[in-house]
PDB file of N, CA and C in Angstrom:
ATOM      1  N   MET A   1     113.659  90.789 120.325  1.00  0.00           N
ATOM      2  CA  MET A   1     113.674  90.593 118.891  1.00  0.00           C
ATOM      3  C   MET A   1     113.906  89.109 118.604  1.00  0.00           C
ATOM      4  N   ARG A   2     113.027  88.555 117.798  1.00  0.00           N
ATOM      5  CA  ARG A   2     113.173  87.153 117.395  1.00  0.00           C
ATOM      6  C   ARG A   2     113.978  87.078 116.115  1.00  0.00           C
ATOM      7  N   SER A   3     114.559  85.935 115.883  1.00  0.00           N
ATOM      8  CA  SER A   3     115.320  85.762 114.666  1.00  0.00           C
ATOM      9  C   SER A   3     115.040  84.383 114.092  1.00  0.00           C
ATOM     10  N   TYR A   4     114.953  84.315 112.762  1.00  0.00           N
ATOM     11  CA  TYR A   4     114.657  83.072 112.058  1.00  0.00           C
ATOM     12  C   TYR A   4     115.655  82.912 110.932  1.00  0.00           C
ATOM     13  N   ARG A   5     116.031  81.674 110.668  1.00  0.00           N
ATOM     14  CA  ARG A   5     116.931  81.389 109.551  1.00  0.00           C
ATOM     15  C   ARG A   5     116.101  80.905 108.373  1.00  0.00           C
ATOM     16  N   THR A   6     116.556  81.294 107.193  1.00  0.00           N
ATOM     17  CA  THR A   6     115.922  80.830 105.966  1.00  0.00           C
ATOM     18  C   THR A   6     116.989  80.759 104.889  1.00  0.00           C
ATOM     19  N   VAL A   7     116.661  80.170 103.768  1.00  0.00           N
ATOM     20  CA  VAL A   7     117.605  80.007 102.672  1.00  0.00           C
ATOM     21  C   VAL A   7     116.988  80.621 101.415  1.00  0.00           C
ATOM     22  N   ILE A   8     117.804  81.288 100.639  1.00  0.00           N
ATOM     23  CA  ILE A   8     117.348  81.831  99.370  1.00  0.00           C
ATOM     24  C   ILE A   8     117.584  80.764  98.311  1.00  0.00           C
ATOM     25  N   SER A   9     116.524  80.410  97.577  1.00  0.00           N
ATOM     26  CA  SER A   9     116.642  79.351  96.567  1.00  0.00           C
ATOM     27  C   SER A   9     117.363  79.865  95.327  1.00  0.00           C
ATOM     28  N   SER A  10     117.667  78.942  94.413  1.00  0.00           N
ATOM     29  CA  SER A  10     118.337  79.319  93.167  1.00  0.00           C
ATOM     30  C   SER A  10     117.458  80.241  92.321  1.00  0.00           C
ATOM     31  N   LYS A  11     116.163  80.246  92.593  1.00  0.00           N
ATOM     32  CA  LYS A  11     115.227  81.127  91.880  1.00  0.00           C
ATOM     33  C   LYS A  11     115.015  82.447  92.628  1.00  0.00           C
ATOM     34  N   GLY A  12     115.744  82.631  93.726  1.00  0.00           N
ATOM     35  CA  GLY A  12     115.604  83.864  94.500  1.00  0.00           C
ATOM     36  C   GLY A  12     114.430  83.855  95.451  1.00  0.00           C
ATOM     37  N   GLN A  13     113.838  82.708  95.676  1.00  0.00           N
ATOM     38  CA  GLN A  13     112.682  82.602  96.556  1.00  0.00           C
ATOM     39  C   GLN A  13     113.127  82.443  98.005  1.00  0.00           C
ATOM     40  N   VAL A  14     112.335  83.017  98.901  1.00  0.00           N
ATOM     41  CA  VAL A  14     112.607  82.948 100.335  1.00  0.00           C
ATOM     42  C   VAL A  14     111.397  82.331 101.017  1.00  0.00           C
ATOM     43  N   VAL A  15     111.639  81.393 101.916  1.00  0.00           N
ATOM     44  CA  VAL A  15     110.552  80.776 102.682  1.00  0.00           C
ATOM     45  C   VAL A  15     110.367  81.558 103.972  1.00  0.00           C
ATOM     46  N   ILE A  16     109.132  81.990 104.215  1.00  0.00           N
ATOM     47  CA  ILE A  16     108.804  82.664 105.473  1.00  0.00           C
ATOM     48  C   ILE A  16     108.382  81.578 106.452  1.00  0.00           C
ATOM     49  N   PRO A  17     108.998  81.507 107.613  1.00  0.00           N
ATOM     50  CA  PRO A  17     108.666  80.446 108.573  1.00  0.00           C
ATOM     51  C   PRO A  17     107.170  80.405 108.900  1.00  0.00           C
ATOM     52  N   ALA A  18     106.652  79.187 109.078  1.00  0.00           N
ATOM     53  CA  ALA A  18     105.226  78.975 109.326  1.00  0.00           C
ATOM     54  C   ALA A  18     104.722  79.802 110.509  1.00  0.00           C
ATOM     55  N   GLU A  19     105.513  79.887 111.565  1.00  0.00           N
ATOM     56  CA  GLU A  19     105.097  80.647 112.745  1.00  0.00           C
ATOM     57  C   GLU A  19     104.807  82.109 112.386  1.00  0.00           C
ATOM     58  N   LEU A  20     105.637  82.692 111.566  1.00  0.00           N
ATOM     59  CA  LEU A  20     105.430  84.088 111.154  1.00  0.00           C
ATOM     60  C   LEU A  20     104.249  84.216 110.199  1.00  0.00           C
ATOM     61  N   ARG A  21     104.108  83.248 109.281  1.00  0.00           N
ATOM     62  CA  ARG A  21     102.968  83.291 108.359  1.00  0.00           C
ATOM     63  C   ARG A  21     101.660  83.240 109.130  1.00  0.00           C
ATOM     64  N   GLU A  22     101.596  82.383 110.131  1.00  0.00           N
ATOM     65  CA  GLU A  22     100.380  82.271 110.940  1.00  0.00           C
ATOM     66  C   GLU A  22     100.142  83.542 111.749  1.00  0.00           C
ATOM     67  N   GLU A  23     101.191  84.037 112.386  1.00  0.00           N
ATOM     68  CA  GLU A  23     101.063  85.219 113.234  1.00  0.00           C
ATOM     69  C   GLU A  23     100.592  86.439 112.450  1.00  0.00           C
ATOM     70  N   TYR A  24     101.082  86.589 111.226  1.00  0.00           N
ATOM     71  CA  TYR A  24     100.755  87.772 110.430  1.00  0.00           C
ATOM     72  C   TYR A  24      99.679  87.516 109.378  1.00  0.00           C
ATOM     73  N   GLY A  25      99.083  86.332 109.397  1.00  0.00           N
ATOM     74  CA  GLY A  25      98.001  86.030 108.460  1.00  0.00           C
ATOM     75  C   GLY A  25      98.441  86.044 107.006  1.00  0.00           C
ATOM     76  N   LEU A  26      99.635  85.537 106.747  1.00  0.00           N
ATOM     77  CA  LEU A  26     100.165  85.518 105.392  1.00  0.00           C
ATOM     78  C   LEU A  26      99.773  84.228 104.703  1.00  0.00           C
ATOM     79  N   ASP A  27      98.845  84.319 103.795  1.00  0.00           N
ATOM     80  CA  ASP A  27      98.393  83.157 103.049  1.00  0.00           C
ATOM     81  C   ASP A  27      99.017  83.163 101.665  1.00  0.00           C
ATOM     82  N   ARG A  28      98.897  82.053 100.994  1.00  0.00           N
ATOM     83  CA  ARG A  28      99.402  81.952  99.626  1.00  0.00           C
ATOM     84  C   ARG A  28      98.779  83.072  98.796  1.00  0.00           C
ATOM     85  N   GLY A  29      99.606  83.749  98.033  1.00  0.00           N
ATOM     86  CA  GLY A  29      99.109  84.822  97.178  1.00  0.00           C
ATOM     87  C   GLY A  29      99.127  86.196  97.832  1.00  0.00           C
ATOM     88  N   THR A  30      99.473  86.266  99.132  1.00  0.00           N
ATOM     89  CA  THR A  30      99.558  87.568  99.797  1.00  0.00           C
ATOM     90  C   THR A  30     100.650  88.383  99.122  1.00  0.00           C
ATOM     91  N   ARG A  31     100.327  89.603  98.753  1.00  0.00           N
ATOM     92  CA  ARG A  31     101.314  90.480  98.122  1.00  0.00           C
ATOM     93  C   ARG A  31     102.124  91.191  99.202  1.00  0.00           C
ATOM     94  N   ALA A  32     103.345  91.537  98.860  1.00  0.00           N
ATOM     95  CA  ALA A  32     104.221  92.196  99.823  1.00  0.00           C
ATOM     96  C   ALA A  32     105.174  93.126  99.082  1.00  0.00           C
ATOM     97  N   VAL A  33     105.782  94.003  99.826  1.00  0.00           N
ATOM     98  CA  VAL A  33     106.744  94.960  99.278  1.00  0.00           C
ATOM     99  C   VAL A  33     108.050  94.820 100.048  1.00  0.00           C
ATOM    100  N   TRP A  34     109.159  94.764  99.321  1.00  0.00           N
ATOM    101  CA  TRP A  34     110.485  94.779  99.937  1.00  0.00           C
ATOM    102  C   TRP A  34     110.981  96.217  99.939  1.00  0.00           C
ATOM    103  N   THR A  35     111.526  96.666 101.056  1.00  0.00           N
ATOM    104  CA  THR A  35     112.176  97.975 101.122  1.00  0.00           C
ATOM    105  C   THR A  35     113.533  97.795 101.771  1.00  0.00           C
ATOM    106  N   GLU A  36     114.430  98.703 101.472  1.00  0.00           N
ATOM    107  CA  GLU A  36     115.757  98.681 102.079  1.00  0.00           C
ATOM    108  C   GLU A  36     115.816  99.836 103.057  1.00  0.00           C
ATOM    109  N   GLU A  37     116.135  99.533 104.298  1.00  0.00           N
ATOM    110  CA  GLU A  37     116.229 100.545 105.348  1.00  0.00           C
ATOM    111  C   GLU A  37     117.533 100.373 106.104  1.00  0.00           C
ATOM    112  N   LYS A  38     118.434 101.306 105.916  1.00  0.00           N
ATOM    113  CA  LYS A  38     119.707 101.299 106.639  1.00  0.00           C
ATOM    114  C   LYS A  38     120.434  99.962 106.529  1.00  0.00           C
ATOM    115  N   GLY A  39     120.514  99.430 105.316  1.00  0.00           N
ATOM    116  CA  GLY A  39     121.243  98.186 105.086  1.00  0.00           C
ATOM    117  C   GLY A  39     120.479  96.922 105.434  1.00  0.00           C
ATOM    118  N   ARG A  40     119.195  97.053 105.766  1.00  0.00           N
ATOM    119  CA  ARG A  40     118.369  95.881 106.082  1.00  0.00           C
ATOM    120  C   ARG A  40     117.252  95.770 105.056  1.00  0.00           C
ATOM    121  N   LEU A  41     116.866  94.547 104.735  1.00  0.00           N
ATOM    122  CA  LEU A  41     115.718  94.316 103.875  1.00  0.00           C
ATOM    123  C   LEU A  41     114.498  94.126 104.754  1.00  0.00           C
ATOM    124  N   VAL A  42     113.441  94.841 104.442  1.00  0.00           N
ATOM    125  CA  VAL A  42     112.208  94.770 105.230  1.00  0.00           C
ATOM    126  C   VAL A  42     111.080  94.316 104.310  1.00  0.00           C
ATOM    127  N   LEU A  43     110.404  93.258 104.704  1.00  0.00           N
ATOM    128  CA  LEU A  43     109.270  92.729 103.941  1.00  0.00           C
ATOM    129  C   LEU A  43     107.988  93.200 104.611  1.00  0.00           C
ATOM    130  N   THR A  44     107.145  93.923 103.876  1.00  0.00           N
ATOM    131  CA  THR A  44     105.887  94.414 104.418  1.00  0.00           C
ATOM    132  C   THR A  44     104.737  93.829 103.613  1.00  0.00           C
ATOM    133  N   PRO A  45     103.918  92.985 104.238  1.00  0.00           N
ATOM    134  CA  PRO A  45     102.776  92.415 103.526  1.00  0.00           C
ATOM    135  C   PRO A  45     101.740  93.496 103.221  1.00  0.00           C
ATOM    136  N   ILE A  46     101.102  93.348 102.074  1.00  0.00           N
ATOM    137  CA  ILE A  46      99.998  94.232 101.719  1.00  0.00           C
ATOM    138  C   ILE A  46      98.729  93.436 101.970  1.00  0.00           C
ATOM    139  N   THR A  47      98.181  93.596 103.151  1.00  0.00           N
ATOM    140  CA  THR A  47      96.991  92.854 103.543  1.00  0.00           C
ATOM    141  C   THR A  47      95.750  93.697 103.286  1.00  0.00           C
ATOM    142  N   GLU A  48      94.591  93.100 103.404  1.00  0.00           N
ATOM    143  CA  GLU A  48      93.336  93.837 103.235  1.00  0.00           C
ATOM    144  C   GLU A  48      93.283  95.000 104.209  1.00  0.00           C
ATOM    145  N   ARG A  49      93.727  94.769 105.446  1.00  0.00           N
ATOM    146  CA  ARG A  49      93.723  95.835 106.446  1.00  0.00           C
ATOM    147  C   ARG A  49      94.606  96.988 105.987  1.00  0.00           C
ATOM    148  N   ARG A  50      95.761  96.655 105.439  1.00  0.00           N
ATOM    149  CA  ARG A  50      96.682  97.681 104.954  1.00  0.00           C
ATOM    150  C   ARG A  50      96.064  98.447 103.795  1.00  0.00           C
ATOM    151  N   LEU A  51      95.385  97.738 102.895  1.00  0.00           N
ATOM    152  CA  LEU A  51      94.719  98.411 101.783  1.00  0.00           C
ATOM    153  C   LEU A  51      93.642  99.357 102.296  1.00  0.00           C
ATOM    154  N   ASP A  52      92.891  98.933 103.318  1.00  0.00           N
ATOM    155  CA  ASP A  52      91.865  99.803 103.910  1.00  0.00           C
ATOM    156  C   ASP A  52      92.497 101.053 104.507  1.00  0.00           C
ATOM    157  N   GLU A  53      93.661 100.903 105.160  1.00  0.00           N
ATOM    158  CA  GLU A  53      94.353 102.057 105.731  1.00  0.00           C
ATOM    159  C   GLU A  53      94.780 103.019 104.633  1.00  0.00           C
ATOM    160  N   ILE A  54      95.297 102.471 103.538  1.00  0.00           N
ATOM    161  CA  ILE A  54      95.736 103.311 102.427  1.00  0.00           C
ATOM    162  C   ILE A  54      94.543 104.032 101.820  1.00  0.00           C
ATOM    163  N   MET A  55      93.457 103.313 101.592  1.00  0.00           N
ATOM    164  CA  MET A  55      92.273 103.934 101.010  1.00  0.00           C
ATOM    165  C   MET A  55      91.722 105.010 101.946  1.00  0.00           C
ATOM    166  N   GLY A  56      91.748 104.738 103.250  1.00  0.00           N
ATOM    167  CA  GLY A  56      91.280 105.723 104.214  1.00  0.00           C
ATOM    168  C   GLY A  56      92.148 106.963 104.216  1.00  0.00           C
ATOM    169  N   PHE A  57      93.441 106.776 104.002  1.00  0.00           N
ATOM    170  CA  PHE A  57      94.375 107.900 103.947  1.00  0.00           C
ATOM    171  C   PHE A  57      94.067 108.788 102.748  1.00  0.00           C
ATOM    172  N   LEU A  58      93.681 108.173 101.646  1.00  0.00           N
ATOM    173  CA  LEU A  58      93.412 108.929 100.430  1.00  0.00           C
ATOM    174  C   LEU A  58      92.032 109.574 100.425  1.00  0.00           C
ATOM    175  N   LYS A  59      91.138 109.084 101.266  1.00  0.00           N
ATOM    176  CA  LYS A  59      89.776 109.604 101.276  1.00  0.00           C
ATOM    177  C   LYS A  59      89.769 111.036 101.820  1.00  0.00           C
ATOM    178  N   PRO A  60      89.113 111.964 101.094  1.00  0.00           N
ATOM    179  CA  PRO A  60      89.076 113.344 101.584  1.00  0.00           C
ATOM    180  C   PRO A  60      88.176 113.476 102.808  1.00  0.00           C
ATOM    181  N   GLY A  61      88.472 114.461 103.623  1.00  0.00           N
ATOM    182  CA  GLY A  61      87.638 114.746 104.782  1.00  0.00           C
ATOM    183  C   GLY A  61      86.347 115.413 104.339  1.00  0.00           C
ATOM    184  N   PRO A  62      85.394 115.560 105.242  1.00  0.00           N
ATOM    185  CA  PRO A  62      84.126 116.211 104.890  1.00  0.00           C
ATOM    186  C   PRO A  62      84.371 117.623 104.355  1.00  0.00           C
ATOM    187  N   GLY A  63      83.816 117.905 103.188  1.00  0.00           N
ATOM    188  CA  GLY A  63      83.952 119.226 102.581  1.00  0.00           C
ATOM    189  C   GLY A  63      85.246 119.457 101.838  1.00  0.00           C
ATOM    190  N   GLU A  64      86.157 118.497 101.870  1.00  0.00           N
ATOM    191  CA  GLU A  64      87.434 118.642 101.159  1.00  0.00           C
ATOM    192  C   GLU A  64      87.321 118.011  99.775  1.00  0.00           C
ATOM    193  N   PRO A  65      88.031 118.584  98.787  1.00  0.00           N
ATOM    194  CA  PRO A  65      88.014 117.960  97.460  1.00  0.00           C
ATOM    195  C   PRO A  65      88.852 116.685  97.478  1.00  0.00           C
ATOM    196  N   SER A  66      88.543 115.773  96.572  1.00  0.00           N
ATOM    197  CA  SER A  66      89.359 114.560  96.463  1.00  0.00           C
ATOM    198  C   SER A  66      90.724 114.947  95.903  1.00  0.00           C
ATOM    199  N   ALA A  67      91.680 114.048  96.008  1.00  0.00           N
ATOM    200  CA  ALA A  67      93.019 114.313  95.472  1.00  0.00           C
ATOM    201  C   ALA A  67      92.935 114.592  93.975  1.00  0.00           C
ATOM    202  N   PHE A  68      92.075 113.863  93.267  1.00  0.00           N
ATOM    203  CA  PHE A  68      91.915 114.076  91.832  1.00  0.00           C
ATOM    204  C   PHE A  68      91.336 115.453  91.543  1.00  0.00           C
ATOM    205  N   GLU A  69      90.316 115.834  92.298  1.00  0.00           N
ATOM    206  CA  GLU A  69      89.712 117.156  92.094  1.00  0.00           C
ATOM    207  C   GLU A  69      90.743 118.251  92.335  1.00  0.00           C
ATOM    208  N   GLY A  70      91.545 118.097  93.382  1.00  0.00           N
ATOM    209  CA  GLY A  70      92.590 119.072  93.675  1.00  0.00           C
ATOM    210  C   GLY A  70      93.597 119.181  92.538  1.00  0.00           C
ATOM    211  N   LEU A  71      93.994 118.032  91.970  1.00  0.00           N
ATOM    212  CA  LEU A  71      94.932 118.039  90.849  1.00  0.00           C
ATOM    213  C   LEU A  71      94.329 118.698  89.617  1.00  0.00           C
ATOM    214  N   PHE A  72      93.051 118.399  89.348  1.00  0.00           N
ATOM    215  CA  PHE A  72      92.386 119.012  88.199  1.00  0.00           C
ATOM    216  C   PHE A  72      92.287 120.525  88.379  1.00  0.00           C
ATOM    217  N   GLU A  73      91.954 120.975  89.570  1.00  0.00           N
ATOM    218  CA  GLU A  73      91.860 122.410  89.839  1.00  0.00           C
ATOM    219  C   GLU A  73      93.220 123.085  89.671  1.00  0.00           C
ATOM    220  N   GLU A  74      94.270 122.461  90.180  1.00  0.00           N
ATOM    221  CA  GLU A  74      95.615 123.012  90.039  1.00  0.00           C
ATOM    222  C   GLU A  74      96.018 123.094  88.574  1.00  0.00           C
ATOM    223  N   ARG A  75      95.725 122.058  87.810  1.00  0.00           N
ATOM    224  CA  ARG A  75      96.060 122.052  86.377  1.00  0.00           C
ATOM    225  C   ARG A  75      95.294 123.151  85.655  1.00  0.00           C
ATOM    226  N   GLU A  76      94.045 123.375  86.010  1.00  0.00           N
ATOM    227  CA  GLU A  76      93.242 124.433  85.391  1.00  0.00           C
ATOM    228  C   GLU A  76      93.849 125.810  85.687  1.00  0.00           C
ATOM    229  N   ARG A  77      94.318 126.023  86.906  1.00  0.00           N
ATOM    230  CA  ARG A  77      94.978 127.278  87.257  1.00  0.00           C
ATOM    231  C   ARG A  77      96.260 127.464  86.440  1.00  0.00           C
ATOM    232  N   GLU A  78      97.003 126.362  86.259  1.00  0.00           N
ATOM    233  CA  GLU A  78      98.230 126.434  85.451  1.00  0.00           C
ATOM    234  C   GLU A  78      97.915 126.790  83.999  1.00  0.00           C
ATOM    235  N   ARG A  79      96.876 126.197  83.441  1.00  0.00           N
ATOM    236  CA  ARG A  79      96.488 126.495  82.052  1.00  0.00           C
ATOM    237  C   ARG A  79      96.142 127.975  81.900  1.00  0.00           C
ATOM    238  N   LYS A  80      95.404 128.519  82.857  1.00  0.00           N
ATOM    239  CA  LYS A  80      95.020 129.931  82.799  1.00  0.00           C
ATOM    240  C   LYS A  80      96.250 130.837  82.845  1.00  0.00           C
ATOM    241  N   ARG A  81      97.220 130.487  83.696  1.00  0.00           N
ATOM    242  CA  ARG A  81      98.464 131.269  83.758  1.00  0.00           C
ATOM    243  C   ARG A  81      99.230 131.173  82.451  1.00  0.00           C
ATOM    244  N   GLU A  82      99.259 129.989  81.836  1.00  0.00           N
ATOM    245  CA  GLU A  82      99.972 129.793  80.575  1.00  0.00           C
ATOM    246  C   GLU A  82      99.325 130.573  79.433  1.00  0.00           C
ATOM    247  N   ASP A  83      98.005 130.715  79.474  1.00  0.00           N
ATOM    248  CA  ASP A  83      97.284 131.412  78.407  1.00  0.00           C
ATOM    249  C   ASP A  83      97.448 132.930  78.484  1.00  0.00           C
ATOM    250  N   GLN A  84      97.889 133.438  79.592  1.00  0.00           N
ATOM    251  CA  GLN A  84      98.019 134.895  79.751  1.00  0.00           C
ATOM    252  C   GLN A  84      99.251 135.443  79.106  1.00  0.00           C
TER     253      GLN A  84
END
């Protein structure tokens, strides 16, 4: 495990060391998410690759309805039950 020191500015900004920015392809404007895990702060960049993984996760398999279609079908079933 590597460790790097950084300083939090008066504006709450944190500098990511150049070595890490290069290694992880973090360019200016890269979006990221902070999460708290067991008392640690974890920074996860949202890269194009990550977006592709997320989109792939949401894509339905062959013959499966999309998440939206499934929600619409479920809502229609609920409406029918409510009308009875």
